[in-house]
PDB file of N, CA and C in Angstrom:
ATOM      1  N   MET A   1      76.776 -70.188 169.086  1.00  0.00           N
ATOM      2  CA  MET A   1      76.612 -71.602 169.349  1.00  0.00           C
ATOM      3  C   MET A   1      76.978 -71.847 170.813  1.00  0.00           C
ATOM      4  N   ASN A   2      76.091 -72.519 171.537  1.00  0.00           N
ATOM      5  CA  ASN A   2      76.379 -72.749 172.943  1.00  0.00           C
ATOM      6  C   ASN A   2      77.305 -73.951 173.120  1.00  0.00           C
ATOM      7  N   GLU A   3      77.786 -74.109 174.325  1.00  0.00           N
ATOM      8  CA  GLU A   3      78.789 -75.138 174.639  1.00  0.00           C
ATOM      9  C   GLU A   3      78.266 -76.552 174.382  1.00  0.00           C
ATOM     10  N   GLN A   4      77.033 -76.814 174.741  1.00  0.00           N
ATOM     11  CA  GLN A   4      76.481 -78.166 174.582  1.00  0.00           C
ATOM     12  C   GLN A   4      76.339 -78.537 173.106  1.00  0.00           C
ATOM     13  N   SER A   5      75.826 -77.649 172.285  1.00  0.00           N
ATOM     14  CA  SER A   5      75.684 -77.956 170.862  1.00  0.00           C
ATOM     15  C   SER A   5      77.047 -78.065 170.191  1.00  0.00           C
ATOM     16  N   ARG A   6      78.005 -77.257 170.600  1.00  0.00           N
ATOM     17  CA  ARG A   6      79.360 -77.342 170.058  1.00  0.00           C
ATOM     18  C   ARG A   6      79.979 -78.697 170.375  1.00  0.00           C
ATOM     19  N   ARG A   7      79.816 -79.128 171.600  1.00  0.00           N
ATOM     20  CA  ARG A   7      80.366 -80.428 172.005  1.00  0.00           C
ATOM     21  C   ARG A   7      79.690 -81.577 171.253  1.00  0.00           C
ATOM     22  N   TRP A   8      78.373 -81.485 171.084  1.00  0.00           N
ATOM     23  CA  TRP A   8      77.639 -82.528 170.370  1.00  0.00           C
ATOM     24  C   TRP A   8      78.080 -82.578 168.907  1.00  0.00           C
ATOM     25  N   LEU A   9      78.197 -81.426 168.266  1.00  0.00           N
ATOM     26  CA  LEU A   9      78.629 -81.379 166.869  1.00  0.00           C
ATOM     27  C   LEU A   9      80.057 -81.860 166.693  1.00  0.00           C
ATOM     28  N   LEU A  10      80.887 -81.656 167.689  1.00  0.00           N
ATOM     29  CA  LEU A  10      82.272 -82.121 167.630  1.00  0.00           C
ATOM     30  C   LEU A  10      82.359 -83.639 167.738  1.00  0.00           C
ATOM     31  N   TRP A  11      81.582 -84.224 168.621  1.00  0.00           N
ATOM     32  CA  TRP A  11      81.670 -85.661 168.870  1.00  0.00           C
ATOM     33  C   TRP A  11      80.823 -86.508 167.927  1.00  0.00           C
ATOM     34  N   ALA A  12      79.806 -85.956 167.323  1.00  0.00           N
ATOM     35  CA  ALA A  12      78.876 -86.738 166.497  1.00  0.00           C
ATOM     36  C   ALA A  12      79.549 -87.514 165.370  1.00  0.00           C
ATOM     37  N   PRO A  13      80.419 -86.911 164.559  1.00  0.00           N
ATOM     38  CA  PRO A  13      80.995 -87.712 163.472  1.00  0.00           C
ATOM     39  C   PRO A  13      81.902 -88.829 163.981  1.00  0.00           C
ATOM     40  N   ARG A  14      82.561 -88.609 165.083  1.00  0.00           N
ATOM     41  CA  ARG A  14      83.438 -89.641 165.638  1.00  0.00           C
ATOM     42  C   ARG A  14      82.625 -90.838 166.135  1.00  0.00           C
ATOM     43  N   ILE A  15      81.547 -90.557 166.839  1.00  0.00           N
ATOM     44  CA  ILE A  15      80.686 -91.630 167.352  1.00  0.00           C
ATOM     45  C   ILE A  15      79.996 -92.343 166.194  1.00  0.00           C
ATOM     46  N   LEU A  16      79.475 -91.589 165.238  1.00  0.00           N
ATOM     47  CA  LEU A  16      78.815 -92.201 164.089  1.00  0.00           C
ATOM     48  C   LEU A  16      79.791 -93.036 163.263  1.00  0.00           C
ATOM     49  N   ALA A  17      81.028 -92.582 163.135  1.00  0.00           N
ATOM     50  CA  ALA A  17      82.026 -93.351 162.392  1.00  0.00           C
ATOM     51  C   ALA A  17      82.294 -94.694 163.064  1.00  0.00           C
ATOM     52  N   ILE A  18      82.379 -94.695 164.384  1.00  0.00           N
ATOM     53  CA  ILE A  18      82.576 -95.959 165.105  1.00  0.00           C
ATOM     54  C   ILE A  18      81.367 -96.861 164.934  1.00  0.00           C
ATOM     55  N   LEU A  19      80.171 -96.293 164.956  1.00  0.00           N
ATOM     56  CA  LEU A  19      78.958 -97.092 164.747  1.00  0.00           C
ATOM     57  C   LEU A  19      78.908 -97.672 163.334  1.00  0.00           C
ATOM     58  N   VAL A  20      79.344 -96.902 162.337  1.00  0.00           N
ATOM     59  CA  VAL A  20      79.401 -97.421 160.969  1.00  0.00           C
ATOM     60  C   VAL A  20      80.407 -98.563 160.889  1.00  0.00           C
ATOM     61  N   CYS A  21      81.534 -98.432 161.566  1.00  0.00           N
ATOM     62  CA  CYS A  21      82.520 -99.520 161.585  1.00  0.00           C
ATOM     63  C   CYS A  21      81.935-100.772 162.239  1.00  0.00           C
ATOM     64  N   LEU A  22      81.182-100.590 163.305  1.00  0.00           N
ATOM     65  CA  LEU A  22      80.528-101.744 163.935  1.00  0.00           C
ATOM     66  C   LEU A  22      79.510-102.377 162.991  1.00  0.00           C
ATOM     67  N   LEU A  23      78.753-101.560 162.277  1.00  0.00           N
ATOM     68  CA  LEU A  23      77.795-102.073 161.305  1.00  0.00           C
ATOM     69  C   LEU A  23      78.501-102.900 160.237  1.00  0.00           C
ATOM     70  N   LEU A  24      79.594-102.373 159.707  1.00  0.00           N
ATOM     71  CA  LEU A  24      80.333-103.105 158.685  1.00  0.00           C
ATOM     72  C   LEU A  24      80.985-104.362 159.260  1.00  0.00           C
ATOM     73  N   GLY A  25      81.398-104.297 160.512  1.00  0.00           N
ATOM     74  CA  GLY A  25      81.998-105.459 161.159  1.00  0.00           C
ATOM     75  C   GLY A  25      81.015-106.596 161.354  1.00  0.00           C
ATOM     76  N   VAL A  26      79.747-106.263 161.505  1.00  0.00           N
ATOM     77  CA  VAL A  26      78.719-107.297 161.668  1.00  0.00           C
ATOM     78  C   VAL A  26      78.653-108.187 160.435  1.00  0.00           C
ATOM     79  N   PHE A  27      78.898-107.611 159.273  1.00  0.00           N
ATOM     80  CA  PHE A  27      78.844-108.400 158.046  1.00  0.00           C
ATOM     81  C   PHE A  27      79.935-109.470 157.995  1.00  0.00           C
ATOM     82  N   ALA A  28      80.993-109.310 158.771  1.00  0.00           N
ATOM     83  CA  ALA A  28      82.061-110.304 158.798  1.00  0.00           C
ATOM     84  C   ALA A  28      81.659-111.544 159.596  1.00  0.00           C
ATOM     85  N   LEU A  29      80.613-111.435 160.384  1.00  0.00           N
ATOM     86  CA  LEU A  29      80.216-112.561 161.227  1.00  0.00           C
ATOM     87  C   LEU A  29      79.634-113.730 160.447  1.00  0.00           C
ATOM     88  N   ASP A  30      79.282-113.525 159.186  1.00  0.00           N
ATOM     89  CA  ASP A  30      78.742-114.632 158.396  1.00  0.00           C
ATOM     90  C   ASP A  30      79.835-115.435 157.689  1.00  0.00           C
ATOM     91  N   ALA A  31      81.086-115.132 157.955  1.00  0.00           N
ATOM     92  CA  ALA A  31      82.196-115.853 157.333  1.00  0.00           C
ATOM     93  C   ALA A  31      82.260-117.279 157.869  1.00  0.00           C
ATOM     94  N   SER A  32      82.653-118.190 156.995  1.00  0.00           N
ATOM     95  CA  SER A  32      82.636-119.611 157.368  1.00  0.00           C
ATOM     96  C   SER A  32      83.886-120.056 158.109  1.00  0.00           C
ATOM     97  N   GLY A  33      85.009-119.466 157.840  1.00  0.00           N
ATOM     98  CA  GLY A  33      86.242-119.867 158.511  1.00  0.00           C
ATOM     99  C   GLY A  33      87.029-118.667 158.986  1.00  0.00           C
ATOM    100  N   LEU A  34      88.137-118.950 159.647  1.00  0.00           N
ATOM    101  CA  LEU A  34      88.956-117.872 160.201  1.00  0.00           C
ATOM    102  C   LEU A  34      89.550-116.998 159.096  1.00  0.00           C
ATOM    103  N   SER A  35      90.017-117.608 158.018  1.00  0.00           N
ATOM    104  CA  SER A  35      90.604-116.815 156.935  1.00  0.00           C
ATOM    105  C   SER A  35      89.538-115.957 156.248  1.00  0.00           C
ATOM    106  N   ASP A  36      88.336-116.502 156.078  1.00  0.00           N
ATOM    107  CA  ASP A  36      87.241-115.700 155.511  1.00  0.00           C
ATOM    108  C   ASP A  36      86.860-114.554 156.442  1.00  0.00           C
ATOM    109  N   PHE A  37      86.838-114.829 157.737  1.00  0.00           N
ATOM    110  CA  PHE A  37      86.519-113.791 158.711  1.00  0.00           C
ATOM    111  C   PHE A  37      87.559-112.678 158.648  1.00  0.00           C
ATOM    112  N   ALA A  38      88.839-113.049 158.597  1.00  0.00           N
ATOM    113  CA  ALA A  38      89.905-112.049 158.535  1.00  0.00           C
ATOM    114  C   ALA A  38      89.780-111.211 157.267  1.00  0.00           C
ATOM    115  N   LEU A  39      89.428-111.843 156.167  1.00  0.00           N
ATOM    116  CA  LEU A  39      89.264-111.127 154.907  1.00  0.00           C
ATOM    117  C   LEU A  39      88.094-110.149 154.965  1.00  0.00           C
ATOM    118  N   HIS A  40      87.017-110.549 155.632  1.00  0.00           N
ATOM    119  CA  HIS A  40      85.839-109.702 155.701  1.00  0.00           C
ATOM    120  C   HIS A  40      85.947-108.602 156.761  1.00  0.00           C
ATOM    121  N   VAL A  41      86.745-108.809 157.781  1.00  0.00           N
ATOM    122  CA  VAL A  41      86.866-107.805 158.839  1.00  0.00           C
ATOM    123  C   VAL A  41      87.996-106.806 158.549  1.00  0.00           C
ATOM    124  N   ALA A  42      88.867-107.114 157.607  1.00  0.00           N
ATOM    125  CA  ALA A  42      89.994-106.227 157.293  1.00  0.00           C
ATOM    126  C   ALA A  42      89.550-104.822 156.885  1.00  0.00           C
ATOM    127  N   PRO A  43      88.538-104.663 156.012  1.00  0.00           N
ATOM    128  CA  PRO A  43      88.109-103.293 155.677  1.00  0.00           C
ATOM    129  C   PRO A  43      87.610-102.509 156.889  1.00  0.00           C
ATOM    130  N   THR A  44      86.968-103.198 157.805  1.00  0.00           N
ATOM    131  CA  THR A  44      86.491-102.525 159.014  1.00  0.00           C
ATOM    132  C   THR A  44      87.659-102.042 159.855  1.00  0.00           C
ATOM    133  N   LEU A  45      88.687-102.864 159.974  1.00  0.00           N
ATOM    134  CA  LEU A  45      89.869-102.469 160.741  1.00  0.00           C
ATOM    135  C   LEU A  45      90.582-101.288 160.089  1.00  0.00           C
ATOM    136  N   LEU A  46      90.653-101.294 158.766  1.00  0.00           N
ATOM    137  CA  LEU A  46      91.245-100.153 158.061  1.00  0.00           C
ATOM    138  C   LEU A  46      90.421 -98.885 158.277  1.00  0.00           C
ATOM    139  N   LEU A  47      89.117 -99.039 158.267  1.00  0.00           N
ATOM    140  CA  LEU A  47      88.240 -97.887 158.502  1.00  0.00           C
ATOM    141  C   LEU A  47      88.375 -97.373 159.937  1.00  0.00           C
ATOM    142  N   LEU A  48      88.594 -98.275 160.882  1.00  0.00           N
ATOM    143  CA  LEU A  48      88.854 -97.839 162.261  1.00  0.00           C
ATOM    144  C   LEU A  48      90.156 -97.054 162.352  1.00  0.00           C
ATOM    145  N   ALA A  49      91.145 -97.437 161.555  1.00  0.00           N
ATOM    146  CA  ALA A  49      92.393 -96.669 161.509  1.00  0.00           C
ATOM    147  C   ALA A  49      92.137 -95.266 160.955  1.00  0.00           C
ATOM    148  N   VAL A  50      91.251 -95.168 159.966  1.00  0.00           N
ATOM    149  CA  VAL A  50      90.877 -93.859 159.427  1.00  0.00           C
ATOM    150  C   VAL A  50      90.174 -93.034 160.503  1.00  0.00           C
ATOM    151  N   VAL A  51      89.325 -93.677 161.297  1.00  0.00           N
ATOM    152  CA  VAL A  51      88.648 -92.968 162.398  1.00  0.00           C
ATOM    153  C   VAL A  51      89.694 -92.431 163.375  1.00  0.00           C
ATOM    154  N   ALA A  52      90.709 -93.230 163.673  1.00  0.00           N
ATOM    155  CA  ALA A  52      91.756 -92.785 164.602  1.00  0.00           C
ATOM    156  C   ALA A  52      92.500 -91.572 164.055  1.00  0.00           C
ATOM    157  N   VAL A  53      92.835 -91.592 162.777  1.00  0.00           N
ATOM    158  CA  VAL A  53      93.524 -90.446 162.163  1.00  0.00           C
ATOM    159  C   VAL A  53      92.586 -89.239 162.100  1.00  0.00           C
ATOM    160  N   SER A  54      91.324 -89.495 161.821  1.00  0.00           N
ATOM    161  CA  SER A  54      90.341 -88.417 161.689  1.00  0.00           C
ATOM    162  C   SER A  54      90.002 -87.768 163.020  1.00  0.00           C
ATOM    163  N   TRP A  55      90.373 -88.406 164.098  1.00  0.00           N
ATOM    164  CA  TRP A  55      90.114 -87.822 165.413  1.00  0.00           C
ATOM    165  C   TRP A  55      90.806 -86.472 165.528  1.00  0.00           C
ATOM    166  N   ARG A  56      91.986 -86.385 164.901  1.00  0.00           N
ATOM    167  CA  ARG A  56      92.746 -85.140 164.943  1.00  0.00           C
ATOM    168  C   ARG A  56      92.548 -84.311 163.672  1.00  0.00           C
ATOM    169  N   TRP A  57      92.553 -84.983 162.525  1.00  0.00           N
ATOM    170  CA  TRP A  57      92.449 -84.308 161.231  1.00  0.00           C
ATOM    171  C   TRP A  57      91.133 -84.694 160.580  1.00  0.00           C
ATOM    172  N   GLU A  58      90.120 -83.870 160.800  1.00  0.00           N
ATOM    173  CA  GLU A  58      88.763 -84.171 160.324  1.00  0.00           C
ATOM    174  C   GLU A  58      88.673 -84.290 158.812  1.00  0.00           C
ATOM    175  N   TRP A  59      89.530 -83.565 158.087  1.00  0.00           N
ATOM    176  CA  TRP A  59      89.467 -83.598 156.630  1.00  0.00           C
ATOM    177  C   TRP A  59      89.736 -85.005 156.094  1.00  0.00           C
ATOM    178  N   VAL A  60      90.564 -85.787 156.798  1.00  0.00           N
ATOM    179  CA  VAL A  60      90.845 -87.160 156.372  1.00  0.00           C
ATOM    180  C   VAL A  60      89.555 -87.983 156.403  1.00  0.00           C
ATOM    181  N   GLY A  61      88.797 -87.880 157.473  1.00  0.00           N
ATOM    182  CA  GLY A  61      87.530 -88.589 157.581  1.00  0.00           C
ATOM    183  C   GLY A  61      86.550 -88.124 156.529  1.00  0.00           C
ATOM    184  N   GLY A  62      86.523 -86.824 156.275  1.00  0.00           N
ATOM    185  CA  GLY A  62      85.621 -86.295 155.256  1.00  0.00           C
ATOM    186  C   GLY A  62      85.940 -86.856 153.881  1.00  0.00           C
ATOM    187  N   VAL A  63      87.205 -86.879 153.526  1.00  0.00           N
ATOM    188  CA  VAL A  63      87.606 -87.372 152.207  1.00  0.00           C
ATOM    189  C   VAL A  63      87.402 -88.878 152.092  1.00  0.00           C
ATOM    190  N   VAL A  64      87.878 -89.636 153.087  1.00  0.00           N
ATOM    191  CA  VAL A  64      87.830 -91.098 152.991  1.00  0.00           C
ATOM    192  C   VAL A  64      86.400 -91.622 153.077  1.00  0.00           C
ATOM    193  N   PHE A  65      85.639 -91.193 154.064  1.00  0.00           N
ATOM    194  CA  PHE A  65      84.272 -91.693 154.209  1.00  0.00           C
ATOM    195  C   PHE A  65      83.397 -91.294 153.016  1.00  0.00           C
ATOM    196  N   THR A  66      83.519 -90.041 152.570  1.00  0.00           N
ATOM    197  CA  THR A  66      82.742 -89.606 151.408  1.00  0.00           C
ATOM    198  C   THR A  66      83.162 -90.367 150.165  1.00  0.00           C
ATOM    199  N   GLY A  67      84.455 -90.509 149.967  1.00  0.00           N
ATOM    200  CA  GLY A  67      84.953 -91.244 148.807  1.00  0.00           C
ATOM    201  C   GLY A  67      84.504 -92.691 148.802  1.00  0.00           C
ATOM    202  N   LEU A  68      84.580 -93.349 149.954  1.00  0.00           N
ATOM    203  CA  LEU A  68      84.123 -94.740 150.034  1.00  0.00           C
ATOM    204  C   LEU A  68      82.623 -94.854 149.813  1.00  0.00           C
ATOM    205  N   GLY A  69      81.874 -93.910 150.341  1.00  0.00           N
ATOM    206  CA  GLY A  69      80.430 -93.930 150.134  1.00  0.00           C
ATOM    207  C   GLY A  69      80.064 -93.790 148.666  1.00  0.00           C
ATOM    208  N   ILE A  70      80.722 -92.876 147.975  1.00  0.00           N
ATOM    209  CA  ILE A  70      80.462 -92.687 146.546  1.00  0.00           C
ATOM    210  C   ILE A  70      80.925 -93.904 145.752  1.00  0.00           C
ATOM    211  N   ALA A  71      82.115 -94.412 146.072  1.00  0.00           N
ATOM    212  CA  ALA A  71      82.649 -95.571 145.347  1.00  0.00           C
ATOM    213  C   ALA A  71      81.758 -96.794 145.533  1.00  0.00           C
ATOM    214  N   TYR A  72      81.315 -97.031 146.761  1.00  0.00           N
ATOM    215  CA  TYR A  72      80.462 -98.198 146.995  1.00  0.00           C
ATOM    216  C   TYR A  72      79.105 -98.036 146.322  1.00  0.00           C
ATOM    217  N   ALA A  73      78.585 -96.824 146.308  1.00  0.00           N
ATOM    218  CA  ALA A  73      77.313 -96.583 145.623  1.00  0.00           C
ATOM    219  C   ALA A  73      77.452 -96.853 144.128  1.00  0.00           C
ATOM    220  N   TYR A  74      78.586 -96.495 143.556  1.00  0.00           N
ATOM    221  CA  TYR A  74      78.812 -96.746 142.138  1.00  0.00           C
ATOM    222  C   TYR A  74      78.958 -98.241 141.862  1.00  0.00           C
ATOM    223  N   VAL A  75      79.745 -98.925 142.676  1.00  0.00           N
ATOM    224  CA  VAL A  75      79.993-100.355 142.468  1.00  0.00           C
ATOM    225  C   VAL A  75      78.719-101.167 142.652  1.00  0.00           C
ATOM    226  N   SER A  76      77.899-100.802 143.614  1.00  0.00           N
ATOM    227  CA  SER A  76      76.686-101.574 143.909  1.00  0.00           C
ATOM    228  C   SER A  76      75.424-100.865 143.423  1.00  0.00           C
ATOM    229  N   ARG A  77      75.538-100.126 142.345  1.00  0.00           N
ATOM    230  CA  ARG A  77      74.410 -99.321 141.853  1.00  0.00           C
ATOM    231  C   ARG A  77      73.198-100.153 141.464  1.00  0.00           C
ATOM    232  N   GLY A  78      73.351-101.431 141.245  1.00  0.00           N
ATOM    233  CA  GLY A  78      72.220-102.283 140.901  1.00  0.00           C
ATOM    234  C   GLY A  78      71.457-102.796 142.108  1.00  0.00           C
ATOM    235  N   HIS A  79      71.963-102.511 143.298  1.00  0.00           N
ATOM    236  CA  HIS A  79      71.351-103.004 144.541  1.00  0.00           C
ATOM    237  C   HIS A  79      71.032-101.823 145.455  1.00  0.00           C
ATOM    238  N   ALA A  80      69.844-101.320 145.339  1.00  0.00           N
ATOM    239  CA  ALA A  80      69.461-100.121 146.104  1.00  0.00           C
ATOM    240  C   ALA A  80      69.565-100.336 147.613  1.00  0.00           C
ATOM    241  N   SER A  81      69.228-101.529 148.082  1.00  0.00           N
ATOM    242  CA  SER A  81      69.282-101.771 149.528  1.00  0.00           C
ATOM    243  C   SER A  81      70.726-101.740 150.040  1.00  0.00           C
ATOM    244  N   TRP A  82      71.679-102.195 149.237  1.00  0.00           N
ATOM    245  CA  TRP A  82      73.085-102.138 149.637  1.00  0.00           C
ATOM    246  C   TRP A  82      73.547-100.692 149.723  1.00  0.00           C
ATOM    247  N   VAL A  83      73.128 -99.911 148.752  1.00  0.00           N
ATOM    248  CA  VAL A  83      73.511 -98.505 148.733  1.00  0.00           C
ATOM    249  C   VAL A  83      72.960 -97.800 149.972  1.00  0.00           C
ATOM    250  N   LEU A  84      71.704 -98.056 150.296  1.00  0.00           N
ATOM    251  CA  LEU A  84      71.096 -97.424 151.470  1.00  0.00           C
ATOM    252  C   LEU A  84      71.758 -97.882 152.764  1.00  0.00           C
ATOM    253  N   CYS A  85      72.079 -99.154 152.846  1.00  0.00           N
ATOM    254  CA  CYS A  85      72.612 -99.719 154.086  1.00  0.00           C
ATOM    255  C   CYS A  85      74.080 -99.373 154.322  1.00  0.00           C
ATOM    256  N   ILE A  86      74.863 -99.273 153.253  1.00  0.00           N
ATOM    257  CA  ILE A  86      76.301 -99.073 153.421  1.00  0.00           C
ATOM    258  C   ILE A  86      76.751 -97.691 152.950  1.00  0.00           C
ATOM    259  N   SER A  87      76.368 -97.304 151.745  1.00  0.00           N
ATOM    260  CA  SER A  87      76.845 -96.031 151.206  1.00  0.00           C
ATOM    261  C   SER A  87      76.276 -94.829 151.939  1.00  0.00           C
ATOM    262  N   LEU A  88      75.013 -94.877 152.262  1.00  0.00           N
ATOM    263  CA  LEU A  88      74.394 -93.729 152.919  1.00  0.00           C
ATOM    264  C   LEU A  88      75.036 -93.411 154.275  1.00  0.00           C
ATOM    265  N   PRO A  89      75.269 -94.408 155.156  1.00  0.00           N
ATOM    266  CA  PRO A  89      75.968 -94.079 156.404  1.00  0.00           C
ATOM    267  C   PRO A  89      77.394 -93.576 156.168  1.00  0.00           C
ATOM    268  N   LEU A  90      78.101 -94.163 155.196  1.00  0.00           N
ATOM    269  CA  LEU A  90      79.454 -93.689 154.898  1.00  0.00           C
ATOM    270  C   LEU A  90      79.428 -92.239 154.428  1.00  0.00           C
ATOM    271  N   LEU A  91      78.496 -91.930 153.544  1.00  0.00           N
ATOM    272  CA  LEU A  91      78.370 -90.555 153.063  1.00  0.00           C
ATOM    273  C   LEU A  91      77.988 -89.585 154.183  1.00  0.00           C
ATOM    274  N   ALA A  92      77.068 -90.001 155.032  1.00  0.00           N
ATOM    275  CA  ALA A  92      76.640 -89.134 156.137  1.00  0.00           C
ATOM    276  C   ALA A  92      77.819 -88.807 157.059  1.00  0.00           C
ATOM    277  N   VAL A  93      78.591 -89.817 157.405  1.00  0.00           N
ATOM    278  CA  VAL A  93      79.759 -89.588 158.267  1.00  0.00           C
ATOM    279  C   VAL A  93      80.785 -88.714 157.557  1.00  0.00           C
ATOM    280  N   GLY A  94      81.002 -88.971 156.273  1.00  0.00           N
ATOM    281  CA  GLY A  94      81.963 -88.171 155.521  1.00  0.00           C
ATOM    282  C   GLY A  94      81.569 -86.703 155.433  1.00  0.00           C
ATOM    283  N   VAL A  95      80.299 -86.458 155.179  1.00  0.00           N
ATOM    284  CA  VAL A  95      79.819 -85.078 155.104  1.00  0.00           C
ATOM    285  C   VAL A  95      79.933 -84.411 156.472  1.00  0.00           C
ATOM    286  N   TRP A  96      79.612 -85.148 157.528  1.00  0.00           N
ATOM    287  CA  TRP A  96      79.695 -84.563 158.868  1.00  0.00           C
ATOM    288  C   TRP A  96      81.142 -84.262 159.250  1.00  0.00           C
ATOM    289  N   TYR A  97      82.076 -85.163 158.894  1.00  0.00           N
ATOM    290  CA  TYR A  97      83.495 -84.873 159.123  1.00  0.00           C
ATOM    291  C   TYR A  97      83.934 -83.648 158.321  1.00  0.00           C
ATOM    292  N   GLY A  98      83.462 -83.545 157.091  1.00  0.00           N
ATOM    293  CA  GLY A  98      83.801 -82.382 156.279  1.00  0.00           C
ATOM    294  C   GLY A  98      83.278 -81.099 156.888  1.00  0.00           C
ATOM    295  N   TRP A  99      82.058 -81.142 157.391  1.00  0.00           N
ATOM    296  CA  TRP A  99      81.494 -79.975 158.051  1.00  0.00           C
ATOM    297  C   TRP A  99      82.304 -79.637 159.306  1.00  0.00           C
ATOM    298  N   ASN A 100      82.690 -80.667 160.041  1.00  0.00           N
ATOM    299  CA  ASN A 100      83.500 -80.480 161.241  1.00  0.00           C
ATOM    300  C   ASN A 100      84.832 -79.817 160.902  1.00  0.00           C
ATOM    301  N   TRP A 101      85.438 -80.250 159.810  1.00  0.00           N
ATOM    302  CA  TRP A 101      86.711 -79.682 159.398  1.00  0.00           C
ATOM    303  C   TRP A 101      86.541 -78.215 159.000  1.00  0.00           C
ATOM    304  N   ARG A 102      85.465 -77.935 158.301  1.00  0.00           N
ATOM    305  CA  ARG A 102      85.201 -76.567 157.844  1.00  0.00           C
ATOM    306  C   ARG A 102      84.990 -75.611 159.020  1.00  0.00           C
ATOM    307  N   HIS A 103      84.406 -76.107 160.095  1.00  0.00           N
ATOM    308  CA  HIS A 103      84.118 -75.293 161.280  1.00  0.00           C
ATOM    309  C   HIS A 103      85.031 -75.661 162.444  1.00  0.00           C
ATOM    310  N   HIS A 104      86.236 -76.089 162.129  1.00  0.00           N
ATOM    311  CA  HIS A 104      87.177 -76.581 163.148  1.00  0.00           C
ATOM    312  C   HIS A 104      87.420 -75.572 164.271  1.00  0.00           C
ATOM    313  N   ARG A 105      87.752 -74.362 163.918  1.00  0.00           N
ATOM    314  CA  ARG A 105      88.077 -73.356 164.943  1.00  0.00           C
ATOM    315  C   ARG A 105      86.893 -73.065 165.855  1.00  0.00           C
ATOM    316  N   GLU A 106      85.725 -72.968 165.244  1.00  0.00           N
ATOM    317  CA  GLU A 106      84.514 -72.668 166.027  1.00  0.00           C
ATOM    318  C   GLU A 106      84.182 -73.812 166.973  1.00  0.00           C
ATOM    319  N   LEU A 107      84.336 -75.056 166.509  1.00  0.00           N
ATOM    320  CA  LEU A 107      83.969 -76.205 167.339  1.00  0.00           C
ATOM    321  C   LEU A 107      84.977 -76.486 168.439  1.00  0.00           C
ATOM    322  N   HIS A 108      86.254 -76.207 168.163  1.00  0.00           N
ATOM    323  CA  HIS A 108      87.283 -76.507 169.148  1.00  0.00           C
ATOM    324  C   HIS A 108      87.548 -75.358 170.121  1.00  0.00           C
ATOM    325  N   ALA A 109      86.838 -74.280 169.977  1.00  0.00           N
ATOM    326  CA  ALA A 109      86.985 -73.159 170.903  1.00  0.00           C
ATOM    327  C   ALA A 109      86.362 -73.530 172.246  1.00  0.00           C
ATOM    328  N   HIS A 110      87.120 -73.424 173.301  1.00  0.00           N
ATOM    329  CA  HIS A 110      86.650 -73.649 174.665  1.00  0.00           C
ATOM    330  C   HIS A 110      86.192 -75.088 174.910  1.00  0.00           C
ATOM    331  N   VAL A 111      86.745 -76.034 174.182  1.00  0.00           N
ATOM    332  CA  VAL A 111      86.375 -77.437 174.428  1.00  0.00           C
ATOM    333  C   VAL A 111      87.501 -78.130 175.125  1.00  0.00           C
TER     334      VAL A 111
END
């Protein structure tokens, strides 16, 4: 694996996780008041905390993002568009973090 692909594979789940958090944060913008906004943005802030922890320990991101993706898909199983819009990105990030964790030594070599 060359240096450029190693660097891209290392950074991809982190960047995608932040983009997923931004996507989820957009849904908070439809809140009517400050308390509703705080209630709707709280999960995004918690997920950003998971991204911060996952920066060092990729397995945390793999477990949390994958678990949330599966849980949300189960809860919203009657709404295919919700599953595609929210669960699929969560699952993708979780799987990528898991792959990153599995190949940790290879990806962090010479970076």
